[in-house]
Amino acid sequence: MIWNLLAFLCLLYIIALFGRVIFDWVQVFSRDWRPTGFLLVLAEAFYTVTDPPVKLLRRVIPPLTIGQFRLDVGFLILFVGVTFLWQIFGALGRG
């Protein structure tokens, strides 16, 4: 029972990470776009939930620089870690 709850919480966090990626990419392609109304509330929720661990990992793990391109490795590690936990908790929940 508890494993299923933990797996569900991991799934919600993965959805929040995907939401953060979507909002980040929209801002990359449209610099003057700002969310309003419901999208503002949704963006605030995504960033509030995902910011603390992302900022911590960004401080600990610097971005990978490939020429002019910088890859945020901390975000990728967080995503892979939460996905890994989701799979483990799901397997434990199934018995």
PDB file of N, CA and C in Angstrom:
ATOM      1  N   MET A   1       0.824  -1.196   0.000  1.00  0.00           N
ATOM      2  CA  MET A   1       0.000   0.000   0.000  1.00  0.00           C
ATOM      3  C   MET A   1       0.874   1.268   0.000  1.00  0.00           C
ATOM      4  N   ILE A   2       1.842   1.316   0.922  1.00  0.00           N
ATOM      5  CA  ILE A   2       2.709   2.497   1.000  1.00  0.00           C
ATOM      6  C   ILE A   2       3.572   2.614  -0.248  1.00  0.00           C
ATOM      7  N   TRP A   3       3.975   1.472  -0.819  1.00  0.00           N
ATOM      8  CA  TRP A   3       4.804   1.499  -2.026  1.00  0.00           C
ATOM      9  C   TRP A   3       4.033   2.096  -3.194  1.00  0.00           C
ATOM     10  N   ASN A   4       2.750   1.758  -3.280  1.00  0.00           N
ATOM     11  CA  ASN A   4       1.926   2.312  -4.354  1.00  0.00           C
ATOM     12  C   ASN A   4       1.759   3.821  -4.194  1.00  0.00           C
ATOM     13  N   LEU A   5       1.619   4.277  -2.955  1.00  0.00           N
ATOM     14  CA  LEU A   5       1.508   5.714  -2.701  1.00  0.00           C
ATOM     15  C   LEU A   5       2.803   6.426  -3.091  1.00  0.00           C
ATOM     16  N   LEU A   6       3.937   5.845  -2.724  1.00  0.00           N
ATOM     17  CA  LEU A   6       5.223   6.445  -3.090  1.00  0.00           C
ATOM     18  C   LEU A   6       5.425   6.449  -4.604  1.00  0.00           C
ATOM     19  N   ALA A   7       4.996   5.374  -5.272  1.00  0.00           N
ATOM     20  CA  ALA A   7       5.095   5.328  -6.733  1.00  0.00           C
ATOM     21  C   ALA A   7       4.212   6.402  -7.355  1.00  0.00           C
ATOM     22  N   PHE A   8       3.023   6.606  -6.799  1.00  0.00           N
ATOM     23  CA  PHE A   8       2.119   7.635  -7.315  1.00  0.00           C
ATOM     24  C   PHE A   8       2.702   9.031  -7.112  1.00  0.00           C
ATOM     25  N   LEU A   9       3.312   9.274  -5.960  1.00  0.00           N
ATOM     26  CA  LEU A   9       3.941  10.575  -5.708  1.00  0.00           C
ATOM     27  C   LEU A   9       5.111  10.813  -6.660  1.00  0.00           C
ATOM     28  N   CYS A  10       5.871   9.767  -6.945  1.00  0.00           N
ATOM     29  CA  CYS A  10       6.956   9.896  -7.928  1.00  0.00           C
ATOM     30  C   CYS A  10       6.396  10.222  -9.305  1.00  0.00           C
ATOM     31  N   LEU A  11       5.288   9.585  -9.670  1.00  0.00           N
ATOM     32  CA  LEU A  11       4.660   9.867 -10.957  1.00  0.00           C
ATOM     33  C   LEU A  11       4.199  11.323 -11.032  1.00  0.00           C
ATOM     34  N   LEU A  12       3.590  11.824  -9.955  1.00  0.00           N
ATOM     35  CA  LEU A  12       3.176  13.232  -9.936  1.00  0.00           C
ATOM     36  C   LEU A  12       4.384  14.159 -10.077  1.00  0.00           C
ATOM     37  N   TYR A  13       5.496  13.793  -9.455  1.00  0.00           N
ATOM     38  CA  TYR A  13       6.702  14.612  -9.556  1.00  0.00           C
ATOM     39  C   TYR A  13       7.273  14.581 -10.970  1.00  0.00           C
ATOM     40  N   ILE A  14       7.211  13.431 -11.618  1.00  0.00           N
ATOM     41  CA  ILE A  14       7.662  13.328 -13.011  1.00  0.00           C
ATOM     42  C   ILE A  14       6.799  14.208 -13.903  1.00  0.00           C
ATOM     43  N   ILE A  15       5.499  14.232 -13.656  1.00  0.00           N
ATOM     44  CA  ILE A  15       4.599  15.103 -14.422  1.00  0.00           C
ATOM     45  C   ILE A  15       4.969  16.562 -14.192  1.00  0.00           C
ATOM     46  N   ALA A  16       5.290  16.918 -12.941  1.00  0.00           N
ATOM     47  CA  ALA A  16       5.706  18.292 -12.644  1.00  0.00           C
ATOM     48  C   ALA A  16       7.014  18.632 -13.361  1.00  0.00           C
ATOM     49  N   LEU A  17       7.938  17.682 -13.435  1.00  0.00           N
ATOM     50  CA  LEU A  17       9.190  17.918 -14.161  1.00  0.00           C
ATOM     51  C   LEU A  17       8.925  18.125 -15.649  1.00  0.00           C
ATOM     52  N   PHE A  18       8.026  17.323 -16.232  1.00  0.00           N
ATOM     53  CA  PHE A  18       7.660  17.520 -17.636  1.00  0.00           C
ATOM     54  C   PHE A  18       7.012  18.889 -17.838  1.00  0.00           C
ATOM     55  N   GLY A  19       6.147  19.284 -16.906  1.00  0.00           N
ATOM     56  CA  GLY A  19       5.522  20.602 -16.998  1.00  0.00           C
ATOM     57  C   GLY A  19       6.553  21.712 -16.956  1.00  0.00           C
ATOM     58  N   ARG A  20       7.542  21.561 -16.097  1.00  0.00           N
ATOM     59  CA  ARG A  20       8.620  22.554 -16.018  1.00  0.00           C
ATOM     60  C   ARG A  20       9.378  22.642 -17.334  1.00  0.00           C
ATOM     61  N   VAL A  21       9.673  21.490 -17.940  1.00  0.00           N
ATOM     62  CA  VAL A  21      10.378  21.470 -19.227  1.00  0.00           C
ATOM     63  C   VAL A  21       9.556  22.183 -20.289  1.00  0.00           C
ATOM     64  N   ILE A  22       8.262  21.932 -20.321  1.00  0.00           N
ATOM     65  CA  ILE A  22       7.397  22.574 -21.321  1.00  0.00           C
ATOM     66  C   ILE A  22       7.403  24.084 -21.143  1.00  0.00           C
ATOM     67  N   PHE A  23       7.237  24.556 -19.903  1.00  0.00           N
ATOM     68  CA  PHE A  23       7.250  26.003 -19.671  1.00  0.00           C
ATOM     69  C   PHE A  23       8.615  26.605 -20.007  1.00  0.00           C
ATOM     70  N   ASP A  24       9.695  25.901 -19.691  1.00  0.00           N
ATOM     71  CA  ASP A  24      11.032  26.402 -20.024  1.00  0.00           C
ATOM     72  C   ASP A  24      11.220  26.524 -21.529  1.00  0.00           C
ATOM     73  N   TRP A  25      10.787  25.521 -22.291  1.00  0.00           N
ATOM     74  CA  TRP A  25      10.960  25.556 -23.742  1.00  0.00           C
ATOM     75  C   TRP A  25      10.068  26.599 -24.402  1.00  0.00           C
ATOM     76  N   VAL A  26       8.878  26.800 -23.867  1.00  0.00           N
ATOM     77  CA  VAL A  26       8.023  27.863 -24.414  1.00  0.00           C
ATOM     78  C   VAL A  26       8.704  29.210 -24.224  1.00  0.00           C
ATOM     79  N   GLN A  27       9.329  29.414 -23.073  1.00  0.00           N
ATOM     80  CA  GLN A  27      10.018  30.680 -22.828  1.00  0.00           C
ATOM     81  C   GLN A  27      11.282  30.811 -23.676  1.00  0.00           C
ATOM     82  N   VAL A  28      11.904  29.704 -24.040  1.00  0.00           N
ATOM     83  CA  VAL A  28      13.073  29.758 -24.924  1.00  0.00           C
ATOM     84  C   VAL A  28      12.658  30.230 -26.310  1.00  0.00           C
ATOM     85  N   PHE A  29      11.560  29.697 -26.821  1.00  0.00           N
ATOM     86  CA  PHE A  29      11.136  30.023 -28.181  1.00  0.00           C
ATOM     87  C   PHE A  29      10.346  31.325 -28.272  1.00  0.00           C
ATOM     88  N   SER A  30       9.731  31.749 -27.174  1.00  0.00           N
ATOM     89  CA  SER A  30       8.973  32.998 -27.172  1.00  0.00           C
ATOM     90  C   SER A  30       9.356  33.771 -25.917  1.00  0.00           C
ATOM     91  N   ARG A  31      10.408  34.563 -26.031  1.00  0.00           N
ATOM     92  CA  ARG A  31      10.971  35.253 -24.863  1.00  0.00           C
ATOM     93  C   ARG A  31      10.000  36.224 -24.194  1.00  0.00           C
ATOM     94  N   ASP A  32       9.081  36.803 -24.944  1.00  0.00           N
ATOM     95  CA  ASP A  32       8.169  37.786 -24.360  1.00  0.00           C
ATOM     96  C   ASP A  32       6.899  37.151 -23.801  1.00  0.00           C
ATOM     97  N   TRP A  33       6.735  35.826 -23.907  1.00  0.00           N
ATOM     98  CA  TRP A  33       5.539  35.163 -23.396  1.00  0.00           C
ATOM     99  C   TRP A  33       5.612  35.031 -21.886  1.00  0.00           C
ATOM    100  N   ARG A  34       4.531  35.386 -21.223  1.00  0.00           N
ATOM    101  CA  ARG A  34       4.404  35.219 -19.781  1.00  0.00           C
ATOM    102  C   ARG A  34       3.072  34.535 -19.513  1.00  0.00           C
ATOM    103  N   PRO A  35       3.065  33.497 -18.677  1.00  0.00           N
ATOM    104  CA  PRO A  35       1.800  32.816 -18.394  1.00  0.00           C
ATOM    105  C   PRO A  35       0.853  33.721 -17.615  1.00  0.00           C
ATOM    106  N   THR A  36      -0.427  33.571 -17.901  1.00  0.00           N
ATOM    107  CA  THR A  36      -1.458  34.329 -17.192  1.00  0.00           C
ATOM    108  C   THR A  36      -2.578  33.378 -16.797  1.00  0.00           C
ATOM    109  N   GLY A  37      -3.361  33.788 -15.824  1.00  0.00           N
ATOM    110  CA  GLY A  37      -4.522  33.010 -15.414  1.00  0.00           C
ATOM    111  C   GLY A  37      -4.146  31.639 -14.875  1.00  0.00           C
ATOM    112  N   PHE A  38      -4.842  30.625 -15.394  1.00  0.00           N
ATOM    113  CA  PHE A  38      -4.625  29.254 -14.937  1.00  0.00           C
ATOM    114  C   PHE A  38      -3.208  28.772 -15.233  1.00  0.00           C
ATOM    115  N   LEU A  39      -2.661  29.163 -16.382  1.00  0.00           N
ATOM    116  CA  LEU A  39      -1.295  28.749 -16.723  1.00  0.00           C
ATOM    117  C   LEU A  39      -0.277  29.310 -15.733  1.00  0.00           C
ATOM    118  N   LEU A  40      -0.539  30.508 -15.219  1.00  0.00           N
ATOM    119  CA  LEU A  40       0.356  31.089 -14.222  1.00  0.00           C
ATOM    120  C   LEU A  40       0.332  30.266 -12.934  1.00  0.00           C
ATOM    121  N   VAL A  41      -0.860  29.856 -12.516  1.00  0.00           N
ATOM    122  CA  VAL A  41      -0.985  29.026 -11.314  1.00  0.00           C
ATOM    123  C   VAL A  41      -0.288  27.683 -11.525  1.00  0.00           C
ATOM    124  N   LEU A  42      -0.480  27.094 -12.700  1.00  0.00           N
ATOM    125  CA  LEU A  42       0.142  25.812 -13.020  1.00  0.00           C
ATOM    126  C   LEU A  42       1.670  25.938 -13.059  1.00  0.00           C
ATOM    127  N   ALA A  43       2.168  26.989 -13.702  1.00  0.00           N
ATOM    128  CA  ALA A  43       3.619  27.201 -13.773  1.00  0.00           C
ATOM    129  C   ALA A  43       4.198  27.416 -12.377  1.00  0.00           C
ATOM    130  N   GLU A  44       3.513  28.191 -11.563  1.00  0.00           N
ATOM    131  CA  GLU A  44       3.987  28.440 -10.200  1.00  0.00           C
ATOM    132  C   GLU A  44       4.046  27.142  -9.401  1.00  0.00           C
ATOM    133  N   ALA A  45       3.047  26.285  -9.574  1.00  0.00           N
ATOM    134  CA  ALA A  45       3.045  24.995  -8.875  1.00  0.00           C
ATOM    135  C   ALA A  45       4.207  24.122  -9.344  1.00  0.00           C
ATOM    136  N   PHE A  46       4.419  24.046 -10.660  1.00  0.00           N
ATOM    137  CA  PHE A  46       5.512  23.229 -11.194  1.00  0.00           C
ATOM    138  C   PHE A  46       6.862  23.722 -10.690  1.00  0.00           C
ATOM    139  N   TYR A  47       7.083  25.033 -10.753  1.00  0.00           N
ATOM    140  CA  TYR A  47       8.377  25.575 -10.344  1.00  0.00           C
ATOM    141  C   TYR A  47       8.574  25.497  -8.827  1.00  0.00           C
ATOM    142  N   THR A  48       7.509  25.686  -8.055  1.00  0.00           N
ATOM    143  CA  THR A  48       7.626  25.605  -6.600  1.00  0.00           C
ATOM    144  C   THR A  48       8.014  24.208  -6.153  1.00  0.00           C
ATOM    145  N   VAL A  49       7.455  23.199  -6.803  1.00  0.00           N
ATOM    146  CA  VAL A  49       7.730  21.817  -6.417  1.00  0.00           C
ATOM    147  C   VAL A  49       9.102  21.357  -6.906  1.00  0.00           C
ATOM    148  N   THR A  50       9.499  21.795  -8.085  1.00  0.00           N
ATOM    149  CA  THR A  50      10.730  21.265  -8.679  1.00  0.00           C
ATOM    150  C   THR A  50      11.967  22.132  -8.435  1.00  0.00           C
ATOM    151  N   ASP A  51      11.800  23.386  -8.059  1.00  0.00           N
ATOM    152  CA  ASP A  51      12.954  24.281  -7.902  1.00  0.00           C
ATOM    153  C   ASP A  51      13.973  23.853  -6.841  1.00  0.00           C
ATOM    154  N   PRO A  52      13.557  23.495  -5.619  1.00  0.00           N
ATOM    155  CA  PRO A  52      14.584  23.182  -4.608  1.00  0.00           C
ATOM    156  C   PRO A  52      15.560  22.074  -5.015  1.00  0.00           C
ATOM    157  N   PRO A  53      15.092  20.896  -5.471  1.00  0.00           N
ATOM    158  CA  PRO A  53      16.087  19.887  -5.847  1.00  0.00           C
ATOM    159  C   PRO A  53      16.866  20.242  -7.113  1.00  0.00           C
ATOM    160  N   VAL A  54      16.223  20.932  -8.059  1.00  0.00           N
ATOM    161  CA  VAL A  54      16.929  21.319  -9.288  1.00  0.00           C
ATOM    162  C   VAL A  54      18.040  22.311  -8.953  1.00  0.00           C
ATOM    163  N   LYS A  55      17.745  23.299  -8.116  1.00  0.00           N
ATOM    164  CA  LYS A  55      18.770  24.282  -7.740  1.00  0.00           C
ATOM    165  C   LYS A  55      19.897  23.638  -6.947  1.00  0.00           C
ATOM    166  N   LEU A  56      19.558  22.695  -6.072  1.00  0.00           N
ATOM    167  CA  LEU A  56      20.588  21.993  -5.307  1.00  0.00           C
ATOM    168  C   LEU A  56      21.516  21.214  -6.235  1.00  0.00           C
ATOM    169  N   LEU A  57      20.939  20.486  -7.183  1.00  0.00           N
ATOM    170  CA  LEU A  57      21.766  19.706  -8.105  1.00  0.00           C
ATOM    171  C   LEU A  57      22.565  20.606  -9.043  1.00  0.00           C
ATOM    172  N   ARG A  58      22.014  21.755  -9.421  1.00  0.00           N
ATOM    173  CA  ARG A  58      22.762  22.689 -10.272  1.00  0.00           C
ATOM    174  C   ARG A  58      23.966  23.260  -9.536  1.00  0.00           C
ATOM    175  N   ARG A  59      23.827  23.437  -8.213  1.00  0.00           N
ATOM    176  CA  ARG A  59      24.954  23.933  -7.425  1.00  0.00           C
ATOM    177  C   ARG A  59      26.043  22.875  -7.295  1.00  0.00           C
ATOM    178  N   VAL A  60      25.631  21.624  -7.146  1.00  0.00           N
ATOM    179  CA  VAL A  60      26.580  20.535  -6.931  1.00  0.00           C
ATOM    180  C   VAL A  60      27.191  20.049  -8.243  1.00  0.00           C
ATOM    181  N   ILE A  61      26.363  19.946  -9.285  1.00  0.00           N
ATOM    182  CA  ILE A  61      26.812  19.401 -10.571  1.00  0.00           C
ATOM    183  C   ILE A  61      26.758  20.513 -11.616  1.00  0.00           C
ATOM    184  N   PRO A  62      27.896  20.969 -12.115  1.00  0.00           N
ATOM    185  CA  PRO A  62      27.883  22.043 -13.119  1.00  0.00           C
ATOM    186  C   PRO A  62      27.352  21.536 -14.461  1.00  0.00           C
ATOM    187  N   PRO A  63      26.841  22.447 -15.285  1.00  0.00           N
ATOM    188  CA  PRO A  63      26.365  22.032 -16.610  1.00  0.00           C
ATOM    189  C   PRO A  63      27.510  21.518 -17.475  1.00  0.00           C
ATOM    190  N   LEU A  64      27.191  20.577 -18.323  1.00  0.00           N
ATOM    191  CA  LEU A  64      28.161  20.009 -19.252  1.00  0.00           C
ATOM    192  C   LEU A  64      28.252  20.929 -20.463  1.00  0.00           C
ATOM    193  N   THR A  65      29.446  21.461 -20.735  1.00  0.00           N
ATOM    194  CA  THR A  65      29.636  22.387 -21.845  1.00  0.00           C
ATOM    195  C   THR A  65      30.198  21.638 -23.045  1.00  0.00           C
ATOM    196  N   ILE A  66      29.463  21.727 -24.157  1.00  0.00           N
ATOM    197  CA  ILE A  66      29.887  21.114 -25.418  1.00  0.00           C
ATOM    198  C   ILE A  66      29.897  22.234 -26.451  1.00  0.00           C
ATOM    199  N   GLY A  67      31.059  22.832 -26.680  1.00  0.00           N
ATOM    200  CA  GLY A  67      31.140  23.974 -27.584  1.00  0.00           C
ATOM    201  C   GLY A  67      30.372  25.149 -26.997  1.00  0.00           C
ATOM    202  N   GLN A  68      29.387  25.651 -27.738  1.00  0.00           N
ATOM    203  CA  GLN A  68      28.541  26.751 -27.273  1.00  0.00           C
ATOM    204  C   GLN A  68      27.300  26.256 -26.539  1.00  0.00           C
ATOM    205  N   PHE A  69      27.126  24.960 -26.458  1.00  0.00           N
ATOM    206  CA  PHE A  69      25.928  24.352 -25.880  1.00  0.00           C
ATOM    207  C   PHE A  69      26.210  23.923 -24.446  1.00  0.00           C
ATOM    208  N   ARG A  70      25.286  24.252 -23.525  1.00  0.00           N
ATOM    209  CA  ARG A  70      25.421  23.847 -22.128  1.00  0.00           C
ATOM    210  C   ARG A  70      24.243  22.959 -21.761  1.00  0.00           C
ATOM    211  N   LEU A  71      24.535  21.753 -21.317  1.00  0.00           N
ATOM    212  CA  LEU A  71      23.515  20.775 -20.961  1.00  0.00           C
ATOM    213  C   LEU A  71      23.377  20.721 -19.446  1.00  0.00           C
ATOM    214  N   ASP A  72      22.147  20.934 -18.961  1.00  0.00           N
ATOM    215  CA  ASP A  72      21.872  20.915 -17.529  1.00  0.00           C
ATOM    216  C   ASP A  72      21.823  19.464 -17.052  1.00  0.00           C
ATOM    217  N   VAL A  73      22.938  18.959 -16.580  1.00  0.00           N
ATOM    218  CA  VAL A  73      23.041  17.570 -16.164  1.00  0.00           C
ATOM    219  C   VAL A  73      22.282  17.330 -14.859  1.00  0.00           C
ATOM    220  N   GLY A  74      22.210  18.329 -13.998  1.00  0.00           N
ATOM    221  CA  GLY A  74      21.505  18.179 -12.729  1.00  0.00           C
ATOM    222  C   GLY A  74      20.040  17.839 -12.918  1.00  0.00           C
ATOM    223  N   PHE A  75      19.393  18.510 -13.861  1.00  0.00           N
ATOM    224  CA  PHE A  75      17.988  18.226 -14.139  1.00  0.00           C
ATOM    225  C   PHE A  75      17.830  16.803 -14.660  1.00  0.00           C
ATOM    226  N   LEU A  76      18.730  16.389 -15.549  1.00  0.00           N
ATOM    227  CA  LEU A  76      18.656  15.034 -16.100  1.00  0.00           C
ATOM    228  C   LEU A  76      18.858  13.980 -15.014  1.00  0.00           C
ATOM    229  N   ILE A  77      19.786  14.222 -14.108  1.00  0.00           N
ATOM    230  CA  ILE A  77      20.023  13.278 -13.017  1.00  0.00           C
ATOM    231  C   ILE A  77      18.803  13.196 -12.109  1.00  0.00           C
ATOM    232  N   LEU A  78      18.180  14.335 -11.826  1.00  0.00           N
ATOM    233  CA  LEU A  78      16.962  14.339 -11.015  1.00  0.00           C
ATOM    234  C   LEU A  78      15.855  13.552 -11.706  1.00  0.00           C
ATOM    235  N   PHE A  79      15.676  13.779 -12.999  1.00  0.00           N
ATOM    236  CA  PHE A  79      14.633  13.076 -13.745  1.00  0.00           C
ATOM    237  C   PHE A  79      14.881  11.565 -13.753  1.00  0.00           C
ATOM    238  N   VAL A  80      16.110  11.166 -14.027  1.00  0.00           N
ATOM    239  CA  VAL A  80      16.438   9.733 -14.049  1.00  0.00           C
ATOM    240  C   VAL A  80      16.279   9.127 -12.656  1.00  0.00           C
ATOM    241  N   GLY A  81      16.702   9.851 -11.632  1.00  0.00           N
ATOM    242  CA  GLY A  81      16.580   9.346 -10.263  1.00  0.00           C
ATOM    243  C   GLY A  81      15.142   9.148  -9.829  1.00  0.00           C
ATOM    244  N   VAL A  82      14.290  10.131 -10.117  1.00  0.00           N
ATOM    245  CA  VAL A  82      12.880  10.010  -9.741  1.00  0.00           C
ATOM    246  C   VAL A  82      12.209   8.906 -10.550  1.00  0.00           C
ATOM    247  N   THR A  83      12.555   8.787 -11.825  1.00  0.00           N
ATOM    248  CA  THR A  83      11.998   7.710 -12.645  1.00  0.00           C
ATOM    249  C   THR A  83      12.440   6.347 -12.111  1.00  0.00           C
ATOM    250  N   PHE A  84      13.689   6.240 -11.700  1.00  0.00           N
ATOM    251  CA  PHE A  84      14.208   5.002 -11.120  1.00  0.00           C
ATOM    252  C   PHE A  84      13.447   4.652  -9.840  1.00  0.00           C
ATOM    253  N   LEU A  85      13.245   5.639  -8.963  1.00  0.00           N
ATOM    254  CA  LEU A  85      12.482   5.406  -7.732  1.00  0.00           C
ATOM    255  C   LEU A  85      11.047   5.001  -8.036  1.00  0.00           C
ATOM    256  N   TRP A  86      10.455   5.624  -9.053  1.00  0.00           N
ATOM    257  CA  TRP A  86       9.088   5.289  -9.457  1.00  0.00           C
ATOM    258  C   TRP A  86       8.994   3.817  -9.849  1.00  0.00           C
ATOM    259  N   GLN A  87       9.969   3.355 -10.618  1.00  0.00           N
ATOM    260  CA  GLN A  87       9.980   1.953 -11.041  1.00  0.00           C
ATOM    261  C   GLN A  87      10.183   1.010  -9.849  1.00  0.00           C
ATOM    262  N   ILE A  88      11.071   1.370  -8.951  1.00  0.00           N
ATOM    263  CA  ILE A  88      11.317   0.521  -7.776  1.00  0.00           C
ATOM    264  C   ILE A  88      10.077   0.452  -6.894  1.00  0.00           C
ATOM    265  N   PHE A  89       9.487   1.608  -6.589  1.00  0.00           N
ATOM    266  CA  PHE A  89       8.302   1.617  -5.735  1.00  0.00           C
ATOM    267  C   PHE A  89       7.138   0.884  -6.388  1.00  0.00           C
ATOM    268  N   GLY A  90       7.005   1.030  -7.705  1.00  0.00           N
ATOM    269  CA  GLY A  90       5.946   0.313  -8.415  1.00  0.00           C
ATOM    270  C   GLY A  90       6.138  -1.191  -8.343  1.00  0.00           C
ATOM    271  N   ALA A  91       7.381  -1.647  -8.493  1.00  0.00           N
ATOM    272  CA  ALA A  91       7.663  -3.087  -8.411  1.00  0.00           C
ATOM    273  C   ALA A  91       7.414  -3.612  -6.998  1.00  0.00           C
ATOM    274  N   LEU A  92       7.805  -2.843  -5.994  1.00  0.00           N
ATOM    275  CA  LEU A  92       7.555  -3.266  -4.617  1.00  0.00           C
ATOM    276  C   LEU A  92       6.061  -3.269  -4.300  1.00  0.00           C
ATOM    277  N   GLY A  93       5.321  -2.348  -4.898  1.00  0.00           N
ATOM    278  CA  GLY A  93       3.879  -2.298  -4.682  1.00  0.00           C
ATOM    279  C   GLY A  93       3.146  -3.472  -5.309  1.00  0.00           C
ATOM    280  N   ARG A  94       3.694  -3.978  -6.406  1.00  0.00           N
ATOM    281  CA  ARG A  94       3.067  -5.128  -7.063  1.00  0.00           C
ATOM    282  C   ARG A  94       3.416  -6.436  -6.364  1.00  0.00           C
ATOM    283  N   GLY A  95       4.415  -6.392  -5.509  1.00  0.00           N
ATOM    284  CA  GLY A  95       4.767  -7.584  -4.739  1.00  0.00           C
ATOM    285  C   GLY A  95       5.814  -8.348  -5.388  1.00  0.00           C
TER     286      GLY A  95
END
